[in-house]
Amino acid sequence: MTLRVAEAKGLIKIEHWVEEDGWKGRVRLRGDSLPLVPDAVFLVSDNRSDREATIFLETDNSTEPLRRTTMLQSSFFRKCAAYWQYWTDEIRPRHETMIVLTIAKTAERAEALRLSARAVDEEDRGLNLFLFADEHAWDVLAPEHFLYEPVWTTAGDEQRTLFEQRQSQTSVLRVECRKA
């Protein structure tokens, strides 16, 4: 809803919105074939900065376990590992931008999901690839907060905006591996 309000206000343009089960992928990770099935996937362009990103939307209802003992069963960690691998194999080589937005029911659940995603990379920090917030972090009718205020937390525990208001600023859309 927030994204549709933002589009109606002329802040963004949404293209190629695909609902759950409309976009499916698979990735190979350590010999396993992992499914990639977002709740939605779409291309969003910010009219203020002329930046665009492919967004994979995850709406968490606290029904999926954070982690399991193996990668054979679904878990949020397995989902993040699949996204990480997809970004590594498909998106990063093309120098395109990808963001996994995860919206949880509560701040506590968003934090638990963030910590699960943090463990995906070898450095145990996560990337700017994963952004987390709870559904109360912004007003649906004020999409400026959703887009331009630091309501999002990265897997590495940094507060970020989805898009920066000025082109000269660094935004979360620059997804890079950070070495400590």
Protein backbone atom coordinates (compact mmCIF):
# COMPACT_ATOMS: atom_id res chain seq x y z
CA MET A 1 0.00 0.00 0.00
CA THR A 2 2.78 2.46 0.92
CA LEU A 3 4.48 1.92 -2.41
CA ARG A 4 1.24 2.55 -4.31
CA VAL A 5 0.71 5.79 -2.36
CA ALA A 6 4.31 6.82 -3.17
CA GLU A 7 3.69 6.09 -6.84
CA ALA A 8 0.42 8.08 -6.80
CA LYS A 9 2.32 11.04 -5.28
CA GLY A 10 4.89 10.85 -8.10
CA LEU A 11 7.79 9.90 -5.81
CA ILE A 12 8.54 6.57 -7.49
CA LYS A 13 7.62 4.49 -10.48
CA ILE A 14 6.88 0.78 -10.02
CA GLU A 15 7.36 -1.53 -12.97
CA HIS A 16 6.98 -5.25 -13.48
CA TRP A 17 5.24 -6.02 -10.16
CA VAL A 18 4.97 -9.79 -9.81
CA GLU A 19 2.95 -11.27 -6.93
CA GLU A 20 3.87 -14.27 -4.79
CA ASP A 21 4.45 -17.47 -6.78
CA GLY A 22 4.58 -15.42 -10.00
CA TRP A 23 8.39 -15.27 -9.91
CA LYS A 24 10.31 -18.35 -8.89
CA GLY A 25 13.98 -19.11 -9.09
CA ARG A 26 16.47 -21.69 -7.91
CA VAL A 27 20.08 -21.29 -6.89
CA ARG A 28 22.85 -23.78 -6.23
CA LEU A 29 24.51 -23.43 -2.84
CA ARG A 30 27.10 -25.95 -1.67
CA GLY A 31 25.55 -28.67 -3.80
CA ASP A 32 21.98 -27.97 -2.73
CA SER A 33 19.32 -26.51 -5.01
CA LEU A 34 17.49 -23.83 -3.03
CA PRO A 35 14.18 -22.25 -4.06
CA LEU A 36 13.76 -18.51 -4.35
CA VAL A 37 10.10 -17.46 -4.03
CA PRO A 38 9.58 -13.87 -2.85
CA ASP A 39 6.24 -12.51 -1.69
CA ALA A 40 6.60 -10.00 -4.54
CA VAL A 41 9.31 -8.77 -6.86
CA PHE A 42 9.33 -5.49 -8.75
CA LEU A 43 11.48 -2.78 -10.27
CA VAL A 44 11.23 0.60 -8.56
CA SER A 45 12.64 3.89 -9.86
CA ASP A 46 13.07 6.88 -7.57
CA ASN A 47 12.00 10.08 -9.35
CA ARG A 48 14.16 12.28 -7.10
CA SER A 49 17.46 10.54 -7.69
CA ASP A 50 16.84 8.61 -10.94
CA ARG A 51 18.06 5.45 -9.19
CA GLU A 52 16.37 2.12 -9.65
CA ALA A 53 16.48 -1.24 -7.95
CA THR A 54 14.98 -4.67 -8.19
CA ILE A 55 13.13 -5.24 -4.93
CA PHE A 56 12.37 -8.66 -3.50
CA LEU A 57 9.68 -8.19 -0.88
CA GLU A 58 9.34 -10.49 2.11
CA THR A 59 6.40 -9.94 4.44
CA ASP A 60 7.01 -11.96 7.57
CA ASN A 61 4.07 -13.34 9.55
CA SER A 62 6.23 -15.17 12.13
CA THR A 63 5.27 -18.54 10.66
CA GLU A 64 8.68 -19.54 9.30
CA PRO A 65 11.44 -20.69 11.65
CA LEU A 66 14.54 -18.52 11.76
CA ARG A 67 16.92 -21.44 11.21
CA ARG A 68 16.93 -25.23 11.09
CA THR A 69 19.70 -27.76 11.59
CA THR A 70 19.93 -28.46 7.84
CA MET A 71 19.22 -26.55 4.65
CA LEU A 72 16.75 -29.24 3.52
CA GLN A 73 13.77 -27.58 5.23
CA SER A 74 12.61 -24.02 4.81
CA SER A 75 13.80 -21.33 7.18
CA PHE A 76 14.41 -17.62 6.99
CA PHE A 77 18.17 -18.24 7.03
CA ARG A 78 17.87 -20.57 4.02
CA LYS A 79 15.81 -17.94 2.20
CA CYS A 80 18.49 -15.31 2.87
CA ALA A 81 21.24 -17.69 1.75
CA ALA A 82 19.35 -18.20 -1.52
CA TYR A 83 18.98 -14.44 -2.02
CA TRP A 84 22.66 -13.93 -1.26
CA GLN A 85 23.63 -16.58 -3.82
CA TYR A 86 21.26 -15.15 -6.43
CA TRP A 87 22.76 -11.69 -5.95
CA THR A 88 26.28 -13.13 -6.15
CA ASP A 89 25.62 -15.23 -9.26
CA GLU A 90 23.12 -13.15 -11.25
CA ILE A 91 22.81 -9.53 -10.13
CA ARG A 92 26.28 -8.48 -9.02
CA PRO A 93 28.05 -9.56 -12.25
CA ARG A 94 25.62 -7.37 -14.22
CA HIS A 95 26.30 -4.41 -11.87
CA GLU A 96 22.59 -4.10 -11.12
CA THR A 97 20.95 -3.24 -7.82
CA MET A 98 18.95 -5.68 -5.75
CA ILE A 99 17.36 -5.17 -2.35
CA VAL A 100 15.54 -7.68 -0.16
CA LEU A 101 12.98 -5.73 1.90
CA THR A 102 11.69 -7.67 4.88
CA ILE A 103 8.74 -6.27 6.77
CA ALA A 104 7.90 -7.94 10.09
CA LYS A 105 4.87 -7.58 12.36
CA THR A 106 6.96 -6.37 15.33
CA ALA A 107 10.31 -4.72 15.95
CA GLU A 108 11.41 -7.77 17.95
CA ARG A 109 10.71 -10.12 15.04
CA ALA A 110 12.44 -7.75 12.60
CA GLU A 111 15.53 -7.87 14.83
CA ALA A 112 15.46 -11.68 15.01
CA LEU A 113 15.21 -11.86 11.21
CA ARG A 114 18.05 -9.36 10.84
CA LEU A 115 20.30 -11.47 13.03
CA SER A 116 19.51 -14.55 10.94
CA ALA A 117 20.39 -12.72 7.73
CA ARG A 118 23.57 -11.36 9.29
CA ALA A 119 24.96 -14.90 9.45
CA VAL A 120 24.62 -15.45 5.69
CA ASP A 121 27.95 -13.98 4.63
CA GLU A 122 31.30 -15.49 5.57
CA GLU A 123 32.15 -12.48 7.73
CA ASP A 124 28.91 -12.93 9.75
CA ARG A 125 27.83 -9.34 9.06
CA GLY A 126 25.37 -9.50 6.21
CA LEU A 127 25.12 -6.89 3.49
CA ASN A 128 23.21 -3.80 2.59
CA LEU A 129 21.36 -6.29 0.40
CA PHE A 130 18.98 -7.08 3.29
CA LEU A 131 16.81 -4.35 4.85
CA PHE A 132 14.48 -4.88 7.80
CA ALA A 133 11.68 -2.89 9.44
CA ASP A 134 8.50 -3.60 11.30
CA GLU A 135 5.18 -2.57 9.83
CA HIS A 136 4.81 0.25 12.38
CA ALA A 137 8.04 2.04 11.37
CA TRP A 138 6.25 4.47 9.03
CA ASP A 139 2.82 5.87 8.24
CA VAL A 140 1.30 4.19 5.19
CA LEU A 141 -0.03 7.54 3.96
CA ALA A 142 3.39 9.22 4.34
CA PRO A 143 5.56 7.21 1.93
CA GLU A 144 8.34 9.80 2.17
CA HIS A 145 9.33 8.16 5.47
CA PHE A 146 9.33 4.69 3.89
CA LEU A 147 11.55 5.92 1.03
CA TYR A 148 13.74 8.71 2.41
CA GLU A 149 14.00 8.30 6.19
CA PRO A 150 16.29 5.77 7.92
CA VAL A 151 13.51 3.39 8.99
CA TRP A 152 15.38 0.39 7.56
CA THR A 153 18.09 -1.60 9.35
CA THR A 154 20.63 -3.58 7.34
CA ALA A 155 21.67 -7.08 8.31
CA GLY A 156 24.90 -5.43 9.51
CA ASP A 157 22.87 -3.23 11.94
CA GLU A 158 23.14 0.08 10.07
CA GLN A 159 20.19 2.47 9.76
CA ARG A 160 19.50 3.25 6.10
CA THR A 161 17.04 4.86 3.77
CA LEU A 162 15.69 3.12 0.73
CA PHE A 163 16.59 6.10 -1.48
CA GLU A 164 18.58 9.18 -0.60
CA GLN A 165 17.01 12.56 -1.28
CA ARG A 166 20.03 13.94 -3.12
CA GLN A 167 22.02 12.22 -5.85
CA SER A 168 25.36 13.14 -4.30
CA GLN A 169 24.73 11.07 -1.18
CA THR A 170 25.52 7.39 -0.90
CA SER A 171 22.38 5.31 -0.64
CA VAL A 172 21.59 1.77 0.28
CA LEU A 173 21.21 1.03 -3.41
CA ARG A 174 24.95 0.60 -3.65
CA VAL A 175 25.14 -3.01 -2.53
CA GLU A 176 28.75 -3.96 -1.91
CA CYS A 177 30.66 -6.55 0.01
CA ARG A 178 32.38 -4.82 2.90
CA LYS A 179 35.61 -6.18 4.28
CA ALA A 180 36.38 -5.42 7.89
